[in-house]
Amino acid sequence: SDLMDLGQAGPFKKYIWNPVSEAVTQYRLNKSKVISEYKSILEEYKDIFKGGAIIASELDGFVFKDKSHLLMALLHTGNESNKSKLLRGRNWGTVNEDATLDSSKFDSMISRMQQDGTLTKRDYEFAQKIWDLMDTMKPAAQKAHKKMYGYYFNEITANEIKTPFGDFRGGYVPAKVD
């Protein structure tokens, strides 16, 4: 930043460097708070992560390593974008001629797992807490993104999830590419 302003406190530092640096710092401070809250949620729900492999016969016999593996997939169903990427990426769903997602095999698996007790109300409450937590990061992330790139990023719309245990708002969790 000093080179851009020739060693002075100039316009580059004042209008570009400082605002971006401050926004990124605020985002990182908020991120630490979110990680702490995430750990608290995991501690509160640690009982749901018990058990071994889970076979998904509806998905050509795919085997979830354990409940956490299944819950991660569930977390990616909180919005249409993530759900579509998950299902298409794993060949658990296809795209219809009208460009809609055919998630029937996956949805059938979820329904069976709700009925047989593999997925419970507590699992969905856990997922909703994670979605809600991720949502708290948006304002700081938007501010940092705007300062860095000059525009706000497009936000993902949550997908309401209807279950035998009640309806859940859904939400977003980051994928590796995010």
Protein backbone atom coordinates (compact mmCIF):
# COMPACT_ATOMS: atom_id res chain seq x y z
CA SER A 1 0.00 0.00 0.00
CA ASP A 2 2.90 2.37 0.69
CA LEU A 3 4.22 1.96 -2.86
CA MET A 4 0.87 2.91 -4.40
CA ASP A 5 0.82 6.17 -2.42
CA LEU A 6 4.56 6.80 -2.80
CA GLY A 7 5.21 6.36 0.92
CA GLN A 8 2.48 8.84 1.92
CA ALA A 9 -0.91 8.35 3.57
CA GLY A 10 -2.68 8.77 0.25
CA PRO A 11 -5.89 7.87 -1.55
CA PHE A 12 -5.00 4.21 -2.20
CA LYS A 13 -4.52 3.51 1.49
CA LYS A 14 -7.49 5.67 2.53
CA TYR A 15 -10.08 4.53 -0.03
CA ILE A 16 -8.99 1.00 -0.94
CA TRP A 17 -6.51 -0.59 1.48
CA ASN A 18 -8.02 0.51 4.82
CA PRO A 19 -11.69 -0.26 4.01
CA VAL A 20 -10.84 -3.71 2.63
CA SER A 21 -8.50 -4.47 5.52
CA GLU A 22 -11.11 -3.40 8.10
CA ALA A 23 -13.87 -5.45 6.44
CA VAL A 24 -11.66 -8.54 6.27
CA THR A 25 -10.64 -8.11 9.92
CA GLN A 26 -14.31 -7.87 10.99
CA TYR A 27 -15.13 -10.97 8.93
CA ARG A 28 -12.29 -12.93 10.56
CA LEU A 29 -13.32 -11.84 14.06
CA ASN A 30 -16.89 -12.95 13.34
CA LYS A 31 -15.59 -16.22 11.88
CA SER A 32 -13.83 -17.05 15.18
CA LYS A 33 -17.08 -16.44 17.04
CA VAL A 34 -18.92 -18.69 14.56
CA ILE A 35 -16.39 -21.51 14.98
CA SER A 36 -16.87 -21.33 18.75
CA GLU A 37 -20.66 -21.48 18.33
CA TYR A 38 -20.25 -24.39 15.88
CA LYS A 39 -18.26 -26.32 18.49
CA SER A 40 -21.02 -25.65 21.04
CA ILE A 41 -23.66 -27.01 18.66
CA LEU A 42 -21.56 -30.13 18.01
CA GLU A 43 -21.20 -30.65 21.75
CA GLU A 44 -24.95 -30.21 22.30
CA TYR A 45 -25.77 -32.78 19.60
CA LYS A 46 -22.85 -35.19 20.00
CA ASP A 47 -25.29 -38.02 20.77
CA ILE A 48 -26.64 -38.03 17.20
CA PHE A 49 -23.30 -38.97 15.68
CA LYS A 50 -23.31 -42.53 17.02
CA GLY A 51 -23.40 -45.59 14.83
CA GLY A 52 -21.54 -47.07 11.95
CA ALA A 53 -22.10 -47.42 8.24
CA ILE A 54 -25.50 -46.60 6.75
CA ILE A 55 -26.52 -48.30 3.52
CA ALA A 56 -28.56 -46.31 1.02
CA SER A 57 -30.05 -49.01 -1.20
CA GLU A 58 -32.02 -46.31 -3.07
CA LEU A 59 -28.72 -44.79 -4.20
CA ASP A 60 -27.41 -47.96 -5.82
CA GLY A 61 -26.15 -49.27 -2.50
CA PHE A 62 -24.09 -46.22 -1.58
CA VAL A 63 -22.71 -46.55 1.95
CA PHE A 64 -22.49 -43.53 4.23
CA LYS A 65 -19.44 -44.06 6.45
CA ASP A 66 -21.42 -43.05 9.51
CA LYS A 67 -24.14 -40.68 10.71
CA SER A 68 -21.94 -37.59 10.34
CA HIS A 69 -21.44 -38.45 6.66
CA LEU A 70 -25.23 -38.72 6.22
CA LEU A 71 -25.80 -35.46 8.11
CA MET A 72 -23.35 -33.64 5.87
CA ALA A 73 -25.38 -34.74 2.87
CA LEU A 74 -28.54 -33.62 4.68
CA LEU A 75 -26.99 -30.20 5.33
CA HIS A 76 -26.48 -29.78 1.59
CA THR A 77 -30.22 -30.19 0.99
CA GLY A 78 -31.02 -26.90 2.75
CA ASN A 79 -31.12 -25.03 -0.57
CA GLU A 80 -31.76 -26.06 -4.16
CA SER A 81 -28.30 -25.08 -5.43
CA ASN A 82 -26.36 -27.25 -2.97
CA LYS A 83 -28.85 -30.10 -3.26
CA SER A 84 -28.56 -30.10 -7.04
CA LYS A 85 -24.75 -30.05 -6.92
CA LEU A 86 -24.68 -32.86 -4.37
CA LEU A 87 -27.11 -35.10 -6.20
CA ARG A 88 -25.73 -34.51 -9.70
CA GLY A 89 -22.12 -34.74 -8.49
CA ARG A 90 -22.68 -38.11 -6.86
CA ASN A 91 -25.05 -39.39 -9.56
CA TRP A 92 -27.86 -39.54 -6.99
CA GLY A 93 -30.07 -37.34 -9.15
CA THR A 94 -30.42 -36.17 -12.72
CA VAL A 95 -31.65 -33.13 -14.57
CA ASN A 96 -34.97 -33.47 -16.37
CA GLU A 97 -35.61 -32.12 -19.88
CA ASP A 98 -37.29 -29.06 -18.31
CA ALA A 99 -34.05 -28.36 -16.35
CA THR A 100 -35.57 -29.38 -13.00
CA LEU A 101 -33.78 -31.73 -10.65
CA ASP A 102 -35.00 -35.31 -10.41
CA SER A 103 -34.18 -36.11 -6.80
CA SER A 104 -36.66 -38.98 -6.47
CA LYS A 105 -34.09 -41.66 -5.52
CA PHE A 106 -32.51 -39.43 -2.88
CA ASP A 107 -35.89 -38.24 -1.59
CA SER A 108 -37.02 -41.86 -1.31
CA MET A 109 -33.93 -42.67 0.75
CA ILE A 110 -34.54 -39.69 3.05
CA SER A 111 -38.17 -40.70 3.50
CA ARG A 112 -37.22 -44.27 4.41
CA MET A 113 -34.59 -43.06 6.86
CA GLN A 114 -37.12 -40.75 8.52
CA GLN A 115 -39.54 -43.66 8.85
CA ASP A 116 -37.05 -46.21 10.15
CA GLY A 117 -35.50 -43.82 12.69
CA THR A 118 -32.15 -43.36 10.99
CA LEU A 119 -33.01 -39.66 10.65
CA THR A 120 -34.77 -38.06 13.61
CA LYS A 121 -36.24 -34.74 14.65
CA ARG A 122 -33.03 -34.10 16.56
CA ASP A 123 -30.99 -34.52 13.35
CA TYR A 124 -33.08 -31.87 11.61
CA GLU A 125 -32.87 -29.55 14.62
CA PHE A 126 -29.09 -29.91 14.46
CA ALA A 127 -29.11 -29.15 10.73
CA GLN A 128 -31.28 -26.07 11.23
CA LYS A 129 -28.95 -24.75 13.92
CA ILE A 130 -26.02 -25.14 11.53
CA TRP A 131 -27.94 -23.41 8.72
CA ASP A 132 -28.89 -20.59 11.06
CA LEU A 133 -25.30 -20.25 12.22
CA MET A 134 -24.03 -20.00 8.65
CA ASP A 135 -26.66 -17.32 8.02
CA THR A 136 -25.13 -15.15 10.78
CA MET A 137 -21.94 -14.91 8.72
CA LYS A 138 -23.61 -13.37 5.68
CA PRO A 139 -23.61 -9.68 6.71
CA ALA A 140 -19.87 -9.60 7.44
CA ALA A 141 -19.08 -11.72 4.40
CA GLN A 142 -21.19 -9.45 2.17
CA LYS A 143 -19.49 -6.34 3.55
CA ALA A 144 -16.01 -7.80 3.00
CA HIS A 145 -16.92 -9.00 -0.50
CA LYS A 146 -18.32 -5.58 -1.43
CA LYS A 147 -15.19 -3.84 -0.17
CA MET A 148 -12.91 -6.26 -2.02
CA TYR A 149 -14.79 -6.68 -5.31
CA GLY A 150 -17.16 -3.71 -5.47
CA TYR A 151 -20.39 -5.74 -5.41
CA TYR A 152 -22.34 -8.06 -3.14
CA PHE A 153 -22.33 -11.78 -3.88
CA ASN A 154 -25.56 -13.50 -4.84
CA GLU A 155 -27.19 -15.14 -1.86
CA ILE A 156 -28.60 -18.63 -1.87
CA THR A 157 -32.28 -18.97 -0.99
CA ALA A 158 -33.09 -21.50 1.71
CA ASN A 159 -35.28 -24.43 0.75
CA GLU A 160 -38.00 -25.30 3.26
CA ILE A 161 -37.83 -28.94 4.22
CA LYS A 162 -41.00 -30.74 5.21
CA THR A 163 -40.49 -33.74 7.47
CA PRO A 164 -42.66 -35.96 9.67
CA PHE A 165 -41.03 -34.03 12.55
CA GLY A 166 -42.16 -30.61 11.34
CA ASP A 167 -41.06 -28.08 8.75
CA PHE A 168 -37.55 -26.63 8.76
CA ARG A 169 -36.40 -23.41 7.04
CA GLY A 170 -33.33 -24.96 5.45
CA GLY A 171 -30.27 -22.90 4.66
CA TYR A 172 -26.76 -22.95 3.34
CA VAL A 173 -23.51 -24.66 4.23
CA PRO A 174 -20.35 -24.04 2.22
CA ALA A 175 -19.11 -26.67 -0.16
CA LYS A 176 -15.37 -27.11 -0.69
CA VAL A 177 -15.43 -24.82 -3.72
CA ASP A 178 -17.05 -22.04 -1.63
